Amino acid sequence: MKQHIVNLGNLLITLSETMDLSNPLVYQHQHRTAYIALEISKNAGITGKQLESIFTAALLHDIGALTVEEKILLHNNESENEELHTIRGAILLSQIPWLKDISEIVRFHHRDWKDWNEGLENPLVLSSQIVYLSDQVERLIDRNRYILHQTDDITEAVRKLQKENKVCEKLAAHFIDISKKEAFWLNLVSPSLSSILLHNGPFNSVFIDMHDIMLISGMYRDLIDFKSPYTATHTTGVAECASKLAEFLGFAELDIRDMKIAGNFHDIGKLLIPNSIIEKPGKLTDREYAIMRCHSYYTYRTLNSVGGLQKIAEWAGYHHERLDGSGYPFRYSGDEIGTGARVMAVADIFTALLEDRPYRKGMETNQIYKTIKSMADNNKLDRKITELLFDNFDAVYTHVREKQAAAKHFYDKTLVA
C-alpha cells in the first residue's frame, strides 16, 4: 500500500498556527516569531541544519504553554514563572529523536545574553538568542496600531535590550539592519504569513512519511491532554481504542496506523478552548457549549489544510458527528460519515465515559454499556461498531487502561513534577 508523503514545512506551520488561534492577542505569535528569526538568521549568514533548527524552534517555542490562559500571561509579560513553559516544551519536543536539538533551543529561549557563559560560536547560544530576540520583538508589536507607525519604537526597544545585556550586540545589529525594510514589517503582519513562511522557509521541499507523522502526532497527543489533569490520558485512550476497533474490523495495517494518528490528533482543536470551560465542575452554559463545539471544526480544518492528511482529517474531525445528523460541527448524517469517523466517535465516547470529569466520576461497565447502546438504538452511533466494542470489551478495556496508565505516569513524573 502506498505511503502518505507530507510536506514538513506545511505540517509544522499549520500545527504552529493552531496553537495560537485561541485569542487575538496571541494569534500568529509563533508564526511571526519564526519569520523574525528566519530573517535575522539569513542576515547573519546562517544556513543548512542550523537554519532549520532555529526556524523549527521558533515555530514551536511556546509548545510548553499548555493553556490559553498561560499563553496570554506570557504574551503580556505577566507570568510568574516564564521558565516553566520552556521546561515543558523541551520535554515534549525531546520525545521525537530528530527534535532533540530543537528542544534545547526551546528550553533556553528566555535566557538573557548576560547569563550565558559561552559566546555565539556555540550553536545553542546563537540559536537560543535568535529565538529570544525574535520572541521579544513580536511581543512588542501593538496589534491595534499600524505597523509602520511603530517600527522606530520597536527598534529602540531592541537597542535597550542590548544595552541591558539581554541580547547580544551582534544579533541586535542584524535585527536593526533588516528592520530598515518596509517589506520586512509588512510581511510580518501579512494575512498570508503562513504562505511566506512555507515558500521562504527551509522546509519548502522537505517531505516526511507517516512514521514521522506518527511521532509528531504523539507529541501533540501529550500537548492536548496535558492541558488539564481531567484530560491527561483522554487522547491516549481514544487513539488506542480506535486503533483496536479498527484492528477488530479488519482494517489494513497502514489504516490501523492512520487511525491511531487520527486519534492522537482528534482533539487538537481543544488547544483553542480555555481551561475555564474544560475544567468547569458544572454544566456548561449555552455560550460556553457554543465555544466547546468549535473544537472538532478546528481539528478538521488544521489537518485538512495539510496535503496528504485528508482521510485522517475526516476520521479525527468528524468524531462528534452523529448518524442522525444531530452532531457537530458539520451536521453530517448517514453515509456522509465514513467508517473511520464512526469508529472514532465510538472510541471518543467510550473513553470519555471511563474517565473522571470535573462534573462526574467515571462510569462502571454496565453504565457505559447502557449509555452507548442507547446512542446506537437512537441512530447516533454505528450499531455494528458498538456491538464489536462490547464483543471485545475486555481486550479493549485492558489495552486502553494499560496505555492510559503509561501516559498518566509520564504526566505525573515528568510534567507535573
Protein backbone atom coordinates (compact mmCIF):
# COMPACT_ATOMS: atom_id res chain seq x y z
CA MET A 1 0.00 0.00 0.00
CA LYS A 2 1.27 3.49 -0.88
CA GLN A 3 2.74 5.55 1.96
CA HIS A 4 1.47 9.10 2.52
CA ILE A 5 4.07 11.80 1.90
CA VAL A 6 3.56 15.16 3.63
CA ASN A 7 5.46 18.44 3.30
CA LEU A 8 7.24 19.06 6.60
CA GLY A 9 7.01 22.84 6.35
CA ASN A 10 3.28 22.76 5.71
CA LEU A 11 2.72 20.43 8.66
CA LEU A 12 4.83 22.40 11.16
CA ILE A 13 3.44 25.78 10.07
CA THR A 14 -0.15 24.54 10.28
CA LEU A 15 0.28 22.93 13.71
CA SER A 16 2.05 26.05 14.98
CA GLU A 17 -0.84 28.22 13.79
CA THR A 18 -3.40 26.07 15.59
CA MET A 19 -1.66 26.64 18.92
CA ASP A 20 -2.09 30.40 18.50
CA LEU A 21 -5.72 30.59 17.32
CA SER A 22 -7.09 30.77 20.85
CA ASN A 23 -7.02 34.53 21.36
CA PRO A 24 -6.48 37.59 19.11
CA LEU A 25 -3.70 38.72 21.43
CA VAL A 26 -1.53 35.71 20.59
CA TYR A 27 -2.77 34.99 17.05
CA GLN A 28 0.21 34.21 14.77
CA HIS A 29 2.66 34.81 17.63
CA GLN A 30 4.78 31.77 16.80
CA HIS A 31 4.49 32.40 13.05
CA ARG A 32 5.69 35.96 13.49
CA THR A 33 8.47 34.87 15.82
CA ALA A 34 9.57 32.31 13.24
CA TYR A 35 9.55 34.92 10.46
CA ILE A 36 11.67 37.32 12.51
CA ALA A 37 14.07 34.51 13.44
CA LEU A 38 14.28 33.42 9.79
CA GLU A 39 15.19 36.93 8.61
CA ILE A 40 17.72 37.53 11.38
CA SER A 41 19.34 34.17 10.63
CA LYS A 42 19.57 34.85 6.91
CA ASN A 43 21.02 38.29 7.56
CA ALA A 44 23.62 36.64 9.80
CA GLY A 45 24.53 34.16 7.04
CA ILE A 46 23.14 31.11 8.84
CA THR A 47 22.22 28.23 6.53
CA GLY A 48 21.64 24.48 6.46
CA LYS A 49 20.73 22.46 9.52
CA GLN A 50 21.19 25.34 11.93
CA LEU A 51 18.72 27.49 10.00
CA GLU A 52 16.24 24.60 10.04
CA SER A 53 16.68 24.21 13.79
CA ILE A 54 16.18 27.91 14.53
CA PHE A 55 13.11 28.08 12.27
CA THR A 56 11.52 24.98 13.84
CA ALA A 57 12.29 26.09 17.39
CA ALA A 58 10.72 29.49 16.72
CA LEU A 59 7.60 27.88 15.23
CA LEU A 60 7.18 25.70 18.33
CA HIS A 61 8.84 27.79 21.04
CA ASP A 62 5.67 28.12 23.14
CA ILE A 63 4.57 24.49 22.84
CA GLY A 64 5.03 24.13 26.59
CA ALA A 65 2.42 26.82 27.33
CA LEU A 66 -0.42 24.36 27.75
CA THR A 67 -3.43 26.62 28.25
CA VAL A 68 -4.97 29.67 26.63
CA GLU A 69 -4.67 31.48 29.94
CA GLU A 70 -0.93 30.74 30.22
CA LYS A 71 -0.26 31.95 26.68
CA ILE A 72 -1.90 35.29 27.41
CA LEU A 73 0.08 35.78 30.63
CA LEU A 74 3.32 35.03 28.79
CA HIS A 75 2.47 37.41 25.97
CA ASN A 76 1.71 40.19 28.45
CA ASN A 77 4.92 39.50 30.43
CA GLU A 78 2.74 38.68 33.45
CA SER A 79 3.74 35.04 34.00
CA GLU A 80 5.05 34.26 37.49
CA ASN A 81 7.32 31.53 36.13
CA GLU A 82 8.38 32.01 32.49
CA GLU A 83 10.83 29.14 32.73
CA LEU A 84 8.13 26.52 33.37
CA HIS A 85 6.80 26.51 29.81
CA THR A 86 10.33 26.24 28.41
CA ILE A 87 10.95 23.13 30.53
CA ARG A 88 7.65 21.56 29.47
CA GLY A 89 8.32 22.44 25.83
CA ALA A 90 11.75 20.83 25.92
CA ILE A 91 10.28 17.66 27.45
CA LEU A 92 7.56 17.40 24.80
CA LEU A 93 9.95 18.03 21.89
CA SER A 94 12.61 15.64 23.19
CA GLN A 95 10.19 12.72 22.73
CA ILE A 96 10.95 12.93 18.98
CA PRO A 97 14.55 11.93 18.16
CA TRP A 98 15.06 14.46 15.37
CA LEU A 99 13.68 17.31 17.52
CA LYS A 100 16.03 16.80 20.48
CA ASP A 101 18.33 19.61 19.33
CA ILE A 102 15.28 21.84 18.92
CA SER A 103 14.22 21.03 22.48
CA GLU A 104 17.39 22.60 23.87
CA ILE A 105 16.78 25.84 21.96
CA VAL A 106 13.22 25.99 23.28
CA ARG A 107 14.49 25.25 26.80
CA PHE A 108 16.74 28.32 26.75
CA HIS A 109 14.79 30.77 24.61
CA HIS A 110 14.15 33.02 27.65
CA ARG A 111 17.77 33.12 28.84
CA ASP A 112 19.35 36.57 28.79
CA TRP A 113 22.64 37.09 26.97
CA LYS A 114 24.35 38.02 30.24
CA ASP A 115 23.50 34.60 31.70
CA TRP A 116 25.36 32.60 29.05
CA ASN A 117 28.93 31.53 29.84
CA GLU A 118 29.75 30.95 26.18
CA GLY A 119 29.58 33.08 23.07
CA LEU A 120 27.81 32.85 19.72
CA GLU A 121 30.34 30.31 18.49
CA ASN A 122 28.23 27.80 20.46
CA PRO A 123 25.30 26.89 18.15
CA LEU A 124 22.91 26.54 21.10
CA VAL A 125 23.73 30.03 22.37
CA LEU A 126 23.34 31.55 18.90
CA SER A 127 20.08 29.76 18.16
CA SER A 128 18.53 30.44 21.58
CA GLN A 129 19.45 34.11 21.41
CA ILE A 130 17.89 34.50 17.96
CA VAL A 131 14.61 32.93 19.15
CA TYR A 132 14.79 35.03 22.34
CA LEU A 133 15.18 38.27 20.39
CA SER A 134 12.51 37.31 17.86
CA ASP A 135 10.05 36.44 20.64
CA GLN A 136 10.71 39.77 22.35
CA VAL A 137 10.23 41.74 19.14
CA GLU A 138 6.93 40.05 18.34
CA ARG A 139 5.58 40.82 21.80
CA LEU A 140 6.48 44.48 21.35
CA ILE A 141 4.06 44.83 18.43
CA ASP A 142 0.86 46.73 19.16
CA ARG A 143 -1.82 44.87 17.22
CA ASN A 144 -4.13 47.92 17.30
CA ARG A 145 -1.61 50.25 15.66
CA TYR A 146 -0.40 50.41 12.04
CA ILE A 147 2.85 48.50 11.88
CA LEU A 148 4.93 51.13 10.05
CA HIS A 149 3.98 53.70 12.70
CA GLN A 150 5.71 51.68 15.43
CA THR A 151 8.93 50.45 13.83
CA ASP A 152 11.07 53.16 15.44
CA ASP A 153 9.69 52.35 18.88
CA ILE A 154 10.39 48.64 18.42
CA THR A 155 13.95 49.12 17.19
CA GLU A 156 14.61 51.48 20.09
CA ALA A 157 13.31 48.82 22.49
CA VAL A 158 15.72 46.31 20.93
CA ARG A 159 18.60 48.73 21.48
CA LYS A 160 17.51 48.92 25.11
CA LEU A 161 17.51 45.11 25.39
CA GLN A 162 21.05 45.11 24.04
CA LYS A 163 22.19 47.82 26.48
CA GLU A 164 20.67 45.81 29.34
CA ASN A 165 22.76 42.83 28.13
CA LYS A 166 19.66 40.74 27.42
CA VAL A 167 20.52 40.25 23.75
CA CYS A 168 23.97 40.33 22.24
CA GLU A 169 25.08 43.38 20.28
CA LYS A 170 25.79 41.43 17.08
CA LEU A 171 22.28 39.95 16.82
CA ALA A 172 20.67 43.26 17.74
CA ALA A 173 22.60 44.80 14.85
CA HIS A 174 21.31 42.13 12.46
CA PHE A 175 17.76 42.86 13.55
CA ILE A 176 18.17 46.61 13.17
CA ASP A 177 19.57 46.03 9.68
CA ILE A 178 16.53 44.04 8.50
CA SER A 179 14.15 46.40 10.30
CA LYS A 180 15.01 49.16 7.81
CA LYS A 181 12.99 47.36 5.13
CA GLU A 182 9.29 48.14 4.99
CA ALA A 183 8.75 44.76 3.36
CA PHE A 184 10.02 43.03 6.49
CA TRP A 185 7.36 44.65 8.65
CA LEU A 186 4.57 44.29 6.09
CA ASN A 187 5.35 40.59 5.64
CA LEU A 188 5.39 40.20 9.41
CA VAL A 189 1.75 41.31 9.77
CA SER A 190 0.54 39.93 6.44
CA PRO A 191 -2.56 37.69 6.46
CA SER A 192 -0.53 35.49 4.08
CA LEU A 193 2.32 34.98 6.53
CA SER A 194 1.90 31.19 6.55
CA SER A 195 2.47 31.12 2.77
CA ILE A 196 5.51 33.37 3.16
CA LEU A 197 6.94 31.02 5.78
CA LEU A 198 6.28 27.99 3.62
CA HIS A 199 7.90 29.42 0.49
CA ASN A 200 10.78 31.30 2.15
CA GLY A 201 11.45 28.83 4.96
CA PRO A 202 13.92 25.95 4.89
CA PHE A 203 11.35 23.15 4.50
CA ASN A 204 9.55 24.11 1.28
CA SER A 205 10.91 20.99 -0.46
CA VAL A 206 11.29 18.64 2.55
CA PHE A 207 8.83 15.75 2.86
CA ILE A 208 8.24 13.20 5.60
CA ASP A 209 6.39 9.87 5.73
CA MET A 210 3.76 8.59 8.11
CA HIS A 211 6.34 7.20 10.55
CA ASP A 212 7.48 10.75 11.32
CA ILE A 213 3.89 11.99 11.38
CA MET A 214 3.10 9.31 13.95
CA LEU A 215 5.90 10.72 16.15
CA ILE A 216 4.61 14.28 15.74
CA SER A 217 1.05 13.18 16.46
CA GLY A 218 2.26 11.55 19.67
CA MET A 219 3.83 14.83 20.79
CA TYR A 220 0.58 16.69 20.09
CA ARG A 221 -1.38 13.96 21.88
CA ASP A 222 0.58 14.82 25.02
CA LEU A 223 0.25 18.57 24.44
CA ILE A 224 -3.53 18.26 24.07
CA ASP A 225 -4.04 16.00 27.07
CA PHE A 226 -1.71 17.78 29.45
CA LYS A 227 -3.79 20.98 29.31
CA SER A 228 -5.72 19.62 32.29
CA PRO A 229 -5.46 16.75 34.79
CA TYR A 230 -9.02 15.82 33.78
CA THR A 231 -7.90 15.10 30.21
CA ALA A 232 -4.38 13.87 30.96
CA THR A 233 -4.96 10.49 29.30
CA HIS A 234 -8.06 11.07 27.16
CA THR A 235 -6.39 11.28 23.76
CA THR A 236 -4.22 8.27 24.53
CA GLY A 237 -7.36 6.32 25.36
CA VAL A 238 -9.23 7.39 22.23
CA ALA A 239 -6.30 6.63 19.93
CA GLU A 240 -5.74 3.20 21.44
CA CYS A 241 -9.44 2.30 21.48
CA ALA A 242 -9.96 3.48 17.90
CA SER A 243 -6.94 1.61 16.55
CA LYS A 244 -8.00 -1.53 18.43
CA LEU A 245 -11.52 -1.33 16.98
CA ALA A 246 -10.04 -0.79 13.52
CA GLU A 247 -7.99 -3.96 14.03
CA PHE A 248 -11.09 -5.94 15.02
CA LEU A 249 -12.93 -4.54 11.97
CA GLY A 250 -10.22 -5.95 9.69
CA PHE A 251 -8.60 -2.68 8.65
CA ALA A 252 -5.30 -2.96 6.77
CA GLU A 253 -2.16 -2.45 8.87
CA LEU A 254 -1.45 1.02 7.45
CA ASP A 255 -5.06 2.09 8.04
CA ILE A 256 -4.81 0.94 11.66
CA ARG A 257 -1.72 3.12 11.98
CA ASP A 258 -3.56 6.05 10.38
CA MET A 259 -6.44 5.52 12.82
CA LYS A 260 -4.01 5.89 15.71
CA ILE A 261 -2.60 9.08 14.19
CA ALA A 262 -6.14 10.42 13.75
CA GLY A 263 -6.87 9.51 17.38
CA ASN A 264 -3.76 11.34 18.55
CA PHE A 265 -4.88 14.46 16.66
CA HIS A 266 -8.65 14.23 17.21
CA ASP A 267 -8.83 16.90 19.93
CA ILE A 268 -6.16 19.27 18.62
CA GLY A 269 -8.93 21.86 18.30
CA LYS A 270 -9.21 21.86 22.09
CA LEU A 271 -5.99 23.86 22.20
CA LEU A 272 -8.30 26.81 21.46
CA ILE A 273 -10.64 26.13 24.38
CA PRO A 274 -9.97 27.95 27.69
CA ASN A 275 -9.37 25.71 30.69
CA SER A 276 -12.11 27.59 32.50
CA ILE A 277 -14.50 25.70 30.21
CA ILE A 278 -12.65 22.38 30.08
CA GLU A 279 -12.37 22.20 33.87
CA LYS A 280 -15.77 23.66 34.78
CA PRO A 281 -17.30 21.46 37.52
CA GLY A 282 -20.89 22.11 36.47
CA LYS A 283 -22.95 22.10 33.31
CA LEU A 284 -21.73 24.42 30.56
CA THR A 285 -23.85 27.44 29.71
CA ASP A 286 -25.16 27.77 26.16
CA ARG A 287 -22.39 30.29 25.41
CA GLU A 288 -19.70 28.00 26.83
CA TYR A 289 -21.03 24.99 24.95
CA ALA A 290 -21.01 27.03 21.73
CA ILE A 291 -17.30 27.65 22.29
CA MET A 292 -16.67 23.98 23.03
CA ARG A 293 -18.42 22.93 19.81
CA CYS A 294 -15.81 24.68 17.68
CA HIS A 295 -13.01 22.31 18.68
CA SER A 296 -13.72 19.49 16.21
CA TYR A 297 -14.09 22.05 13.41
CA TYR A 298 -10.57 23.29 14.07
CA THR A 299 -9.29 19.74 14.27
CA TYR A 300 -10.65 19.13 10.79
CA ARG A 301 -9.51 22.47 9.40
CA THR A 302 -5.98 22.03 10.74
CA LEU A 303 -5.44 18.53 9.39
CA ASN A 304 -7.29 19.04 6.10
CA SER A 305 -5.08 22.01 5.23
CA VAL A 306 -2.03 19.71 5.23
CA GLY A 307 -1.76 17.93 1.89
CA GLY A 308 -1.85 14.16 2.28
CA LEU A 309 -3.84 14.08 5.52
CA GLN A 310 -7.39 14.40 4.17
CA LYS A 311 -8.51 10.93 5.32
CA ILE A 312 -7.01 11.46 8.76
CA ALA A 313 -8.69 14.87 8.90
CA GLU A 314 -12.10 13.26 8.38
CA TRP A 315 -11.54 10.47 10.87
CA ALA A 316 -10.33 12.93 13.51
CA GLY A 317 -12.52 15.93 12.73
CA TYR A 318 -15.87 14.13 12.46
CA HIS A 319 -15.74 12.46 15.88
CA HIS A 320 -18.70 14.50 17.14
CA GLU A 321 -20.89 13.87 14.08
CA ARG A 322 -23.88 11.58 14.64
CA LEU A 323 -25.67 9.26 12.22
CA ASP A 324 -28.99 11.05 12.77
CA GLY A 325 -27.47 14.45 11.91
CA SER A 326 -27.59 15.76 15.48
CA GLY A 327 -23.83 16.03 15.89
CA TYR A 328 -21.45 18.91 15.17
CA PRO A 329 -19.86 20.90 13.57
CA PHE A 330 -20.90 19.85 10.04
CA ARG A 331 -24.25 18.18 10.93
CA TYR A 332 -23.43 15.25 8.67
CA SER A 333 -25.63 12.17 8.76
CA GLY A 334 -25.79 8.60 7.46
CA ASP A 335 -23.47 7.81 4.57
CA GLU A 336 -21.79 11.22 4.85
CA ILE A 337 -19.95 9.78 7.86
CA GLY A 338 -17.41 7.12 6.84
CA THR A 339 -16.44 4.03 8.78
CA GLY A 340 -13.25 5.58 10.18
CA ALA A 341 -15.13 8.56 11.62
CA ARG A 342 -17.77 6.21 13.06
CA VAL A 343 -15.04 4.25 14.81
CA MET A 344 -13.56 7.46 16.22
CA ALA A 345 -16.95 8.60 17.53
CA VAL A 346 -17.44 5.33 19.44
CA ALA A 347 -13.87 5.41 20.77
CA ASP A 348 -14.26 9.02 21.95
CA ILE A 349 -17.49 8.33 23.83
CA PHE A 350 -16.26 5.06 25.32
CA THR A 351 -13.07 6.69 26.62
CA ALA A 352 -14.88 9.76 27.96
CA LEU A 353 -17.36 7.61 29.89
CA LEU A 354 -14.49 5.69 31.51
CA GLU A 355 -12.83 8.84 32.81
CA ASP A 356 -13.39 11.10 35.79
CA ARG A 357 -14.53 14.56 34.76
CA PRO A 358 -14.95 17.74 36.85
CA TYR A 359 -18.72 17.17 36.94
CA ARG A 360 -18.87 13.36 37.46
CA LYS A 361 -16.91 10.20 38.25
CA GLY A 362 -16.04 7.66 35.57
CA MET A 363 -18.83 5.19 34.83
CA GLU A 364 -18.96 1.50 35.66
CA THR A 365 -19.10 -1.05 32.83
CA ASN A 366 -22.88 -1.53 32.97
CA GLN A 367 -23.47 2.23 32.79
CA ILE A 368 -21.13 2.53 29.82
CA TYR A 369 -22.95 -0.30 28.07
CA LYS A 370 -26.39 1.26 28.64
CA THR A 371 -25.26 4.70 27.50
CA ILE A 372 -23.57 3.54 24.31
CA LYS A 373 -26.34 1.04 23.48
CA SER A 374 -28.93 3.79 23.84
CA MET A 375 -26.97 6.00 21.45
CA ALA A 376 -26.78 3.15 18.92
CA ASP A 377 -30.51 2.39 19.32
CA ASN A 378 -31.27 6.06 18.65
CA ASN A 379 -29.17 6.09 15.47
CA LYS A 380 -26.42 8.27 16.83
CA LEU A 381 -23.63 5.69 16.82
CA ASP A 382 -22.95 2.83 14.41
CA ARG A 383 -24.59 -0.32 15.84
CA LYS A 384 -22.06 -2.71 14.24
CA ILE A 385 -19.13 -0.87 15.80
CA THR A 386 -20.74 -0.59 19.23
CA GLU A 387 -21.52 -4.33 19.19
CA LEU A 388 -17.92 -5.03 18.17
CA LEU A 389 -16.75 -2.94 21.12
CA PHE A 390 -18.78 -4.94 23.60
CA ASP A 391 -17.96 -8.28 21.98
CA ASN A 392 -14.31 -7.45 22.66
CA PHE A 393 -14.82 -5.32 25.74
CA ASP A 394 -12.22 -6.95 28.00
CA ALA A 395 -9.48 -6.76 25.36
CA VAL A 396 -10.26 -3.12 24.51
CA TYR A 397 -10.67 -2.06 28.13
CA THR A 398 -7.41 -3.69 29.24
CA HIS A 399 -5.46 -2.28 26.31
CA VAL A 400 -6.81 1.25 26.80
CA ARG A 401 -6.21 1.24 30.55
CA GLU A 402 -2.62 0.00 30.16
CA LYS A 403 -1.80 2.76 27.67
CA GLN A 404 -3.54 5.37 29.80
CA ALA A 405 -1.57 4.28 32.86
CA ALA A 406 1.69 4.83 30.97
CA ALA A 407 0.50 8.27 29.83
CA LYS A 408 -0.50 9.18 33.39
CA HIS A 409 2.92 8.11 34.65
CA PHE A 410 4.59 10.41 32.11
CA TYR A 411 2.24 13.26 33.09
CA ASP A 412 2.77 12.81 36.85
CA LYS A 413 6.52 12.14 36.88
CA THR A 414 7.64 14.47 34.13
CA LEU A 415 5.32 17.42 33.59
CA VAL A 416 3.69 17.80 37.00
CA ALA A 417 6.87 17.23 39.00
